[in-house]
Amino acid sequence: MSIITLTTDYGLKDHFVGALKGKILSEYSEAKIIDISHEIDPFNTVEASYIISASYLSFPKGTVHLIGVDMEHNKENKHIVMQWNDHYFIAADNGILSMLSQKIVPQKIVAINIHDRLPSGSADLDVFVKVACHLSKGGLMNIIGKEINSIKEVTTLNAVAAADGNSLKGNVIYIDHFGNVITNISKKHFIEIAKGRPYEIELKTKNIKTILPSYSAIATSEIYPIKSYEGEKLAIFNEAGFLEIAIFRSNPATTGCAASLLGLNHRSIINIIFS
């Protein structure tokens, strides 16, 4: 038995999440179900891709990740399972899994083909549930799909270096609960382009010239308490390995946050200039 994680854009107001868990337990009563997030912005495949990329490593190998975002099955959106880094990911082939496949080559990918084996009237979600339970029980991928060699890519997940190597342009791909802004600029890509040179992260307000190792590293003085640095902007590479811009100890509901105070939204451009 392995864990089945759930990542969807269903929200928590309606019955959808509870019904999904009920379907899984009806199919496999011993299933161990863990919620990652049900608050993905509707149909936002880039956000879903980041959330999965940032969270999967917290789970043991063999975990099955069911991703219910933009999952309607049609001629342009087939259903797939990807075995990657000894985890299983069930999703529509809409680019959600491309952030993973850019890091490590998948071990195996299959296009799910069991749709006609399910009872008449079965929904796309029923297909995902059937596949998740099959894999969780130790079932083989070849039983539920035909092997394929590639998946769709989301080009907006890629930061782009200038031809002269003097700048790196990325985009905001996620804004978290604290209003911190996560970009698609990875630490690995940054180091490759920076080559140890000084740099500035361009913002509408004063630029950031140092990427810190942690939030609290902003407190550089031994004289002043950490609290005196609240409200200062900073940049770090987060646990997922992506550049994050934050306001130290911000509260989006009261004092504001990086997204609101710095005027950054989903897909906003972030430039790093090297000198």
Protein backbone atom coordinates (compact mmCIF):
# COMPACT_ATOMS: atom_id res chain seq x y z
CA MET A 1 0.00 0.00 0.00
CA SER A 2 1.28 3.47 -0.90
CA ILE A 3 0.07 6.99 -0.15
CA ILE A 4 -2.30 8.77 -2.55
CA THR A 5 -1.94 12.56 -2.52
CA LEU A 6 -4.55 14.96 -3.86
CA THR A 7 -3.93 18.29 -5.59
CA THR A 8 -6.95 19.98 -7.16
CA ASP A 9 -8.61 23.30 -7.97
CA TYR A 10 -11.88 22.14 -6.35
CA GLY A 11 -11.76 24.43 -3.30
CA LEU A 12 -13.34 23.37 -0.03
CA LYS A 13 -16.80 24.95 -0.23
CA ASP A 14 -18.38 22.28 -2.40
CA HIS A 15 -18.67 18.52 -2.06
CA PHE A 16 -16.03 17.65 -4.65
CA VAL A 17 -13.08 16.91 -2.36
CA GLY A 18 -15.15 14.77 0.00
CA ALA A 19 -16.68 12.91 -2.94
CA LEU A 20 -13.21 12.29 -4.41
CA LYS A 21 -12.02 10.73 -1.15
CA GLY A 22 -15.18 8.67 -0.97
CA LYS A 23 -14.57 7.31 -4.46
CA ILE A 24 -11.02 6.33 -3.54
CA LEU A 25 -12.09 4.58 -0.34
CA SER A 26 -14.90 2.79 -2.17
CA GLU A 27 -12.35 1.44 -4.63
CA TYR A 28 -9.62 0.77 -2.07
CA SER A 29 -10.69 0.93 1.57
CA GLU A 30 -7.11 0.72 2.88
CA ALA A 31 -5.94 3.75 0.91
CA LYS A 32 -3.94 6.36 2.80
CA ILE A 33 -5.04 9.75 1.47
CA ILE A 34 -3.13 13.01 2.00
CA ASP A 35 -4.26 16.46 0.82
CA ILE A 36 -1.57 18.67 -0.71
CA SER A 37 -3.83 21.53 -1.85
CA HIS A 38 -7.35 22.07 -3.11
CA GLU A 39 -6.90 25.82 -3.57
CA ILE A 40 -5.10 25.88 -6.92
CA ASP A 41 -6.48 28.75 -8.98
CA PRO A 42 -9.06 27.28 -11.41
CA PHE A 43 -7.38 25.69 -14.44
CA ASN A 44 -4.00 27.19 -13.47
CA THR A 45 -1.66 24.46 -14.69
CA VAL A 46 1.49 26.49 -13.95
CA GLU A 47 0.50 26.93 -10.31
CA ALA A 48 -0.36 23.23 -10.01
CA SER A 49 2.98 22.33 -11.54
CA TYR A 50 4.86 24.40 -8.98
CA ILE A 51 2.89 23.01 -6.03
CA ILE A 52 3.57 19.43 -7.09
CA SER A 53 7.24 20.14 -7.78
CA ALA A 54 7.62 21.79 -4.38
CA SER A 55 5.82 19.12 -2.35
CA TYR A 56 6.36 15.65 -3.83
CA LEU A 57 9.78 15.16 -2.23
CA SER A 58 8.22 15.26 1.25
CA PHE A 59 6.59 11.89 0.53
CA PRO A 60 8.16 8.43 0.39
CA LYS A 61 9.06 6.82 -2.90
CA GLY A 62 6.16 4.94 -4.45
CA THR A 63 3.63 7.64 -3.54
CA VAL A 64 0.82 8.17 -6.06
CA HIS A 65 0.00 11.84 -6.79
CA LEU A 66 -3.47 12.50 -8.24
CA ILE A 67 -3.69 15.96 -9.84
CA GLY A 68 -7.21 17.17 -10.62
CA VAL A 69 -6.61 20.43 -12.49
CA ASP A 70 -7.89 21.03 -16.05
CA MET A 71 -8.45 17.30 -16.32
CA GLU A 72 -11.28 17.04 -18.87
CA HIS A 73 -10.44 14.28 -21.34
CA ASN A 74 -10.60 15.35 -24.99
CA LYS A 75 -8.62 15.07 -28.22
CA GLU A 76 -6.10 17.67 -27.05
CA ASN A 77 -5.97 16.69 -23.38
CA LYS A 78 -5.26 13.02 -22.86
CA HIS A 79 -4.83 11.44 -19.46
CA ILE A 80 -1.38 10.21 -18.49
CA VAL A 81 0.63 8.58 -15.72
CA MET A 82 4.28 9.48 -15.29
CA GLN A 83 6.69 7.49 -13.18
CA TRP A 84 9.33 9.98 -12.13
CA ASN A 85 12.01 9.74 -9.44
CA ASP A 86 10.18 6.63 -8.13
CA HIS A 87 6.88 8.52 -7.65
CA TYR A 88 3.71 8.22 -9.76
CA PHE A 89 1.87 11.27 -11.10
CA ILE A 90 -1.63 11.05 -12.60
CA ALA A 91 -2.72 14.13 -14.55
CA ALA A 92 -4.02 15.46 -17.82
CA ASP A 93 -1.31 16.00 -20.43
CA ASN A 94 -1.68 19.79 -20.22
CA GLY A 95 1.84 20.75 -19.13
CA ILE A 96 1.37 20.25 -15.39
CA LEU A 97 4.12 17.64 -15.24
CA SER A 98 6.62 19.52 -17.39
CA MET A 99 8.35 21.23 -14.46
CA LEU A 100 9.32 17.78 -13.19
CA SER A 101 10.36 16.39 -16.56
CA GLN A 102 12.65 19.39 -17.12
CA LYS A 103 14.66 18.38 -14.03
CA ILE A 104 14.93 14.61 -14.43
CA VAL A 105 14.03 12.36 -17.35
CA PRO A 106 10.87 10.35 -16.51
CA GLN A 107 11.31 6.63 -15.91
CA LYS A 108 8.12 5.82 -17.80
CA ILE A 109 5.04 7.60 -19.19
CA VAL A 110 1.80 5.96 -20.31
CA ALA A 111 -1.32 7.38 -21.92
CA ILE A 112 -4.26 6.03 -19.91
CA ASN A 113 -6.58 3.90 -22.07
CA ILE A 114 -9.06 2.35 -19.63
CA HIS A 115 -11.87 4.84 -20.23
CA ASP A 116 -14.02 2.34 -22.11
CA ARG A 117 -13.55 -0.29 -19.40
CA LEU A 118 -15.40 1.76 -16.79
CA PRO A 119 -19.21 1.72 -16.38
CA SER A 120 -21.24 3.97 -18.67
CA GLY A 121 -21.49 7.50 -17.32
CA SER A 122 -18.16 7.38 -15.47
CA ALA A 123 -16.50 10.77 -15.13
CA ASP A 124 -12.87 11.73 -15.76
CA LEU A 125 -12.36 11.70 -12.02
CA ASP A 126 -13.44 8.04 -11.89
CA VAL A 127 -10.63 7.21 -14.32
CA PHE A 128 -8.06 8.96 -12.14
CA VAL A 129 -9.39 7.20 -9.03
CA LYS A 130 -9.25 3.79 -10.71
CA VAL A 131 -5.67 4.37 -11.84
CA ALA A 132 -4.54 5.79 -8.48
CA CYS A 133 -5.91 2.80 -6.59
CA HIS A 134 -4.43 0.36 -9.10
CA LEU A 135 -0.97 1.87 -8.68
CA SER A 136 -1.33 2.17 -4.90
CA LYS A 137 -1.99 -1.57 -4.73
CA GLY A 138 1.23 -2.20 -6.64
CA GLY A 139 -0.33 -2.59 -10.10
CA LEU A 140 1.72 -2.19 -13.28
CA MET A 141 1.48 0.91 -15.49
CA ASN A 142 1.19 -1.17 -18.67
CA ILE A 143 -2.16 -2.49 -17.46
CA ILE A 144 -3.78 0.96 -17.51
CA GLY A 145 -2.08 2.64 -20.45
CA LYS A 146 0.11 2.60 -23.53
CA GLU A 147 3.67 3.81 -23.21
CA ILE A 148 4.51 7.19 -24.78
CA ASN A 149 7.80 9.08 -25.07
CA SER A 150 6.94 12.72 -24.38
CA ILE A 151 4.47 15.08 -22.74
CA LYS A 152 3.36 18.66 -23.35
CA GLU A 153 5.57 21.39 -21.97
CA VAL A 154 4.59 24.71 -20.40
CA THR A 155 7.04 27.24 -21.84
CA THR A 156 6.12 29.82 -19.18
CA LEU A 157 7.91 27.64 -16.64
CA ASN A 158 11.26 28.44 -18.24
CA ALA A 159 13.34 31.47 -17.25
CA VAL A 160 15.31 32.90 -20.19
CA ALA A 161 18.87 34.21 -20.21
CA ALA A 162 19.81 37.05 -22.56
CA ALA A 163 22.05 36.17 -25.50
CA ASP A 164 24.94 38.12 -23.95
CA GLY A 165 24.48 36.38 -20.60
CA ASN A 166 24.08 39.66 -18.73
CA SER A 167 20.49 39.21 -17.64
CA LEU A 168 18.01 36.53 -16.67
CA LYS A 169 14.27 37.04 -17.19
CA GLY A 170 11.66 35.03 -15.32
CA ASN A 171 8.02 35.27 -14.31
CA VAL A 172 5.96 35.03 -11.16
CA ILE A 173 4.38 31.56 -11.14
CA TYR A 174 2.88 31.41 -7.65
CA ILE A 175 1.87 33.65 -4.74
CA ASP A 176 1.66 31.83 -1.42
CA HIS A 177 -0.51 32.30 1.67
CA PHE A 178 1.87 34.93 3.04
CA GLY A 179 1.84 36.90 -0.20
CA ASN A 180 5.40 35.81 -0.98
CA VAL A 181 6.11 35.78 -4.71
CA ILE A 182 7.69 32.66 -6.24
CA THR A 183 9.32 32.89 -9.65
CA ASN A 184 10.41 30.34 -12.24
CA ILE A 185 14.07 31.28 -11.78
CA SER A 186 15.79 28.25 -10.30
CA LYS A 187 18.90 28.40 -8.13
CA LYS A 188 20.70 26.12 -10.58
CA HIS A 189 19.93 28.36 -13.56
CA PHE A 190 20.86 31.49 -11.62
CA ILE A 191 24.27 30.09 -10.60
CA GLU A 192 25.00 29.00 -14.18
CA ILE A 193 24.33 32.50 -15.54
CA ALA A 194 25.72 34.56 -12.63
CA LYS A 195 29.17 32.95 -12.65
CA GLY A 196 29.87 34.73 -9.36
CA ARG A 197 29.15 38.23 -10.71
CA PRO A 198 27.32 40.99 -8.79
CA TYR A 199 23.63 41.23 -9.62
CA GLU A 200 20.45 43.20 -9.00
CA ILE A 201 16.86 41.94 -8.99
CA GLU A 202 14.92 44.75 -10.65
CA LEU A 203 11.77 45.91 -8.86
CA LYS A 204 9.48 48.92 -9.18
CA THR A 205 10.85 50.06 -5.84
CA LYS A 206 14.51 49.76 -4.78
CA ASN A 207 16.31 46.79 -6.34
CA ILE A 208 17.46 43.77 -4.34
CA LYS A 209 21.21 43.17 -4.55
CA THR A 210 21.58 40.11 -2.31
CA ILE A 211 19.78 36.77 -2.24
CA LEU A 212 19.74 35.65 1.38
CA PRO A 213 20.16 32.10 2.72
CA SER A 214 17.05 32.48 4.91
CA TYR A 215 14.37 35.03 5.86
CA SER A 216 15.97 35.91 9.19
CA ALA A 217 19.34 36.55 7.53
CA ILE A 218 17.97 40.00 6.75
CA ALA A 219 18.78 40.92 10.37
CA THR A 220 22.40 41.85 9.78
CA SER A 221 22.95 44.03 12.86
CA GLU A 222 23.79 42.75 16.32
CA ILE A 223 22.43 45.99 17.77
CA TYR A 224 18.87 46.00 16.48
CA PRO A 225 16.35 43.23 17.27
CA ILE A 226 14.94 41.08 14.47
CA LYS A 227 11.55 42.76 14.89
CA SER A 228 13.01 46.05 13.64
CA TYR A 229 13.47 44.45 10.20
CA GLU A 230 9.77 43.67 9.74
CA GLY A 231 8.48 45.13 6.48
CA GLU A 232 11.85 44.92 4.69
CA LYS A 233 11.85 43.23 1.30
CA LEU A 234 14.17 40.31 0.63
CA ALA A 235 14.91 37.48 -1.75
CA ILE A 236 15.79 33.84 -1.07
CA PHE A 237 15.89 30.55 -2.92
CA ASN A 238 13.09 28.57 -1.28
CA GLU A 239 13.04 24.88 -0.37
CA ALA A 240 11.85 24.00 -3.87
CA GLY A 241 14.92 25.74 -5.32
CA PHE A 242 13.17 28.76 -6.88
CA LEU A 243 13.74 32.46 -6.38
CA GLU A 244 11.24 33.91 -3.92
CA ILE A 245 10.65 37.58 -3.15
CA ALA A 246 9.12 38.36 0.23
CA ILE A 247 8.42 41.04 2.79
CA PHE A 248 9.93 40.00 6.11
CA ARG A 249 7.16 38.86 8.48
CA SER A 250 4.43 40.39 6.35
CA ASN A 251 0.70 39.99 6.95
CA PRO A 252 -1.34 40.26 3.73
CA ALA A 253 -4.51 41.04 5.72
CA THR A 254 -3.05 44.02 7.58
CA THR A 255 0.28 45.51 6.55
CA GLY A 256 0.47 44.03 3.04
CA CYS A 257 2.85 41.60 1.39
CA ALA A 258 5.35 41.25 -1.44
CA ALA A 259 2.62 40.79 -4.03
CA SER A 260 0.60 43.85 -2.99
CA LEU A 261 3.38 46.20 -1.85
CA LEU A 262 5.70 45.50 -4.78
CA GLY A 263 2.94 45.33 -7.41
CA LEU A 264 3.69 41.76 -8.43
CA ASN A 265 1.05 39.42 -9.84
CA HIS A 266 0.91 36.04 -11.50
CA ARG A 267 3.06 36.18 -14.68
CA SER A 268 4.73 39.48 -13.69
CA ILE A 269 8.21 39.73 -15.21
CA ILE A 270 11.24 39.50 -12.91
CA ASN A 271 14.60 40.62 -14.32
CA ILE A 272 18.00 39.94 -12.80
CA ILE A 273 20.83 42.08 -14.19
CA PHE A 274 24.45 40.94 -13.89
CA SER A 275 27.49 43.22 -13.96
